[in-house]
Amino acid sequence: KNNKASARPAPPVPYTVRLHFAEPEELKPGQRVFGVSLQDKSVLEKFDIVSAAGGSQRGVVKEFKGVVIQSDLKITFTRAPGTQAGPLLCGVELIAEQLRK
């Protein structure tokens, strides 16, 4: 007889996900362009850090609410064809949203 308690998977929880970007190189708009997906859902298409931040060496944060996470956050980057530099991410914040009762 096995007396171990069985662990049930945690229910999916919605999170606000904040992605932090900053272009560390002296790139011009269009030189680093990419797409971002969270949990296999596209959230940014043709994202250009330099354009979004207003120049190199500046930060920009993109926020996405209601991202449901079961156990792992899956972030996927897709480099735009013909761009000079690949995708870049500087930080991730996860903020648990309150569940409605």
Protein backbone atom coordinates (compact mmCIF):
# COMPACT_ATOMS: atom_id res chain seq x y z
CA LYS A 1 0.00 0.00 0.00
CA ASN A 2 1.33 3.42 -0.96
CA ASN A 3 0.71 6.12 1.66
CA LYS A 4 2.22 8.97 -0.35
CA ALA A 5 -0.08 11.87 -1.11
CA SER A 6 -0.46 12.35 -4.82
CA ALA A 7 0.47 15.79 -6.04
CA ARG A 8 -2.17 17.34 -8.23
CA PRO A 9 -1.11 19.79 -10.90
CA ALA A 10 -1.75 23.36 -9.95
CA PRO A 11 -4.66 24.97 -11.78
CA PRO A 12 -3.73 27.40 -14.55
CA VAL A 13 -3.28 30.93 -13.21
CA PRO A 14 -3.48 34.17 -15.21
CA TYR A 15 -0.46 36.45 -15.04
CA THR A 16 0.48 39.87 -16.27
CA VAL A 17 3.75 39.39 -18.15
CA ARG A 18 6.08 42.34 -18.65
CA LEU A 19 8.89 41.96 -21.16
CA HIS A 20 11.79 44.41 -20.82
CA PHE A 21 13.84 45.36 -23.87
CA ALA A 22 16.76 47.72 -24.48
CA GLU A 23 19.04 47.97 -27.51
CA PRO A 24 22.66 47.90 -26.24
CA GLU A 25 24.23 48.41 -29.67
CA GLU A 26 24.17 51.48 -31.89
CA LEU A 27 21.62 49.99 -34.27
CA LYS A 28 19.22 51.89 -36.49
CA PRO A 29 15.50 51.13 -36.83
CA GLY A 30 14.95 47.95 -38.82
CA GLN A 31 18.26 46.30 -37.92
CA ARG A 32 16.83 44.16 -35.08
CA VAL A 33 13.25 43.12 -35.80
CA PHE A 34 11.54 40.04 -34.39
CA GLY A 35 8.29 38.50 -33.22
CA VAL A 36 7.42 37.29 -29.74
CA SER A 37 4.95 34.62 -28.65
CA LEU A 38 3.82 33.80 -25.12
CA GLN A 39 2.36 30.33 -24.53
CA ASP A 40 2.36 29.82 -28.34
CA LYS A 41 0.22 32.95 -28.89
CA SER A 42 1.75 35.79 -30.90
CA VAL A 43 1.94 38.99 -28.84
CA LEU A 44 4.42 41.11 -30.84
CA GLU A 45 4.95 41.07 -34.59
CA LYS A 46 7.77 42.90 -36.35
CA PHE A 47 8.91 44.36 -33.02
CA ASP A 48 11.78 46.83 -33.39
CA ILE A 49 13.36 47.82 -30.06
CA VAL A 50 15.02 50.97 -31.44
CA SER A 51 11.78 52.26 -32.94
CA ALA A 52 9.68 51.34 -29.88
CA ALA A 53 12.14 52.88 -27.39
CA GLY A 54 12.92 55.98 -29.44
CA GLY A 55 16.59 55.09 -29.95
CA SER A 56 19.42 52.83 -28.85
CA GLN A 57 20.44 52.54 -25.18
CA ARG A 58 16.86 53.18 -24.05
CA GLY A 59 14.47 50.77 -22.41
CA VAL A 60 10.94 49.84 -23.33
CA VAL A 61 8.51 47.54 -21.51
CA LYS A 62 5.69 45.64 -23.18
CA GLU A 63 2.90 44.35 -20.92
CA PHE A 64 0.49 41.50 -21.60
CA LYS A 65 -2.41 40.71 -19.24
CA GLY A 66 -4.24 37.44 -18.80
CA VAL A 67 -1.41 35.11 -19.84
CA VAL A 68 -2.46 31.72 -18.47
CA ILE A 69 0.43 29.68 -17.11
CA GLN A 70 0.06 26.07 -15.99
CA SER A 71 3.62 25.36 -14.85
CA ASP A 72 6.05 27.09 -17.23
CA LEU A 73 6.09 30.34 -19.15
CA LYS A 74 6.98 29.68 -22.78
CA ILE A 75 8.52 32.62 -24.65
CA THR A 76 9.34 32.13 -28.31
CA PHE A 77 11.26 34.58 -30.50
CA THR A 78 11.16 34.66 -34.30
CA ARG A 79 13.78 36.68 -36.13
CA ALA A 80 12.40 38.72 -39.03
CA PRO A 81 13.97 37.78 -42.36
CA GLY A 82 16.77 40.06 -43.53
CA THR A 83 17.46 41.75 -40.19
CA GLN A 84 21.03 42.36 -39.03
CA ALA A 85 20.66 41.27 -35.39
CA GLY A 86 18.72 38.51 -33.65
CA PRO A 87 16.04 38.82 -30.97
CA LEU A 88 16.98 40.33 -27.61
CA LEU A 89 15.24 40.28 -24.22
CA CYS A 90 16.59 42.06 -21.13
CA GLY A 91 14.11 41.01 -18.44
CA VAL A 92 10.83 39.32 -17.57
CA GLU A 93 8.34 40.16 -14.82
CA LEU A 94 5.48 37.87 -13.83
CA ILE A 95 2.68 39.30 -11.73
CA ALA A 96 -0.06 36.91 -10.57
CA GLU A 97 -3.50 38.30 -11.29
CA GLN A 98 -6.27 37.84 -8.76
CA LEU A 99 -8.68 35.09 -9.58
CA ARG A 100 -12.31 36.16 -9.72
CA LYS A 101 -14.51 34.25 -7.32
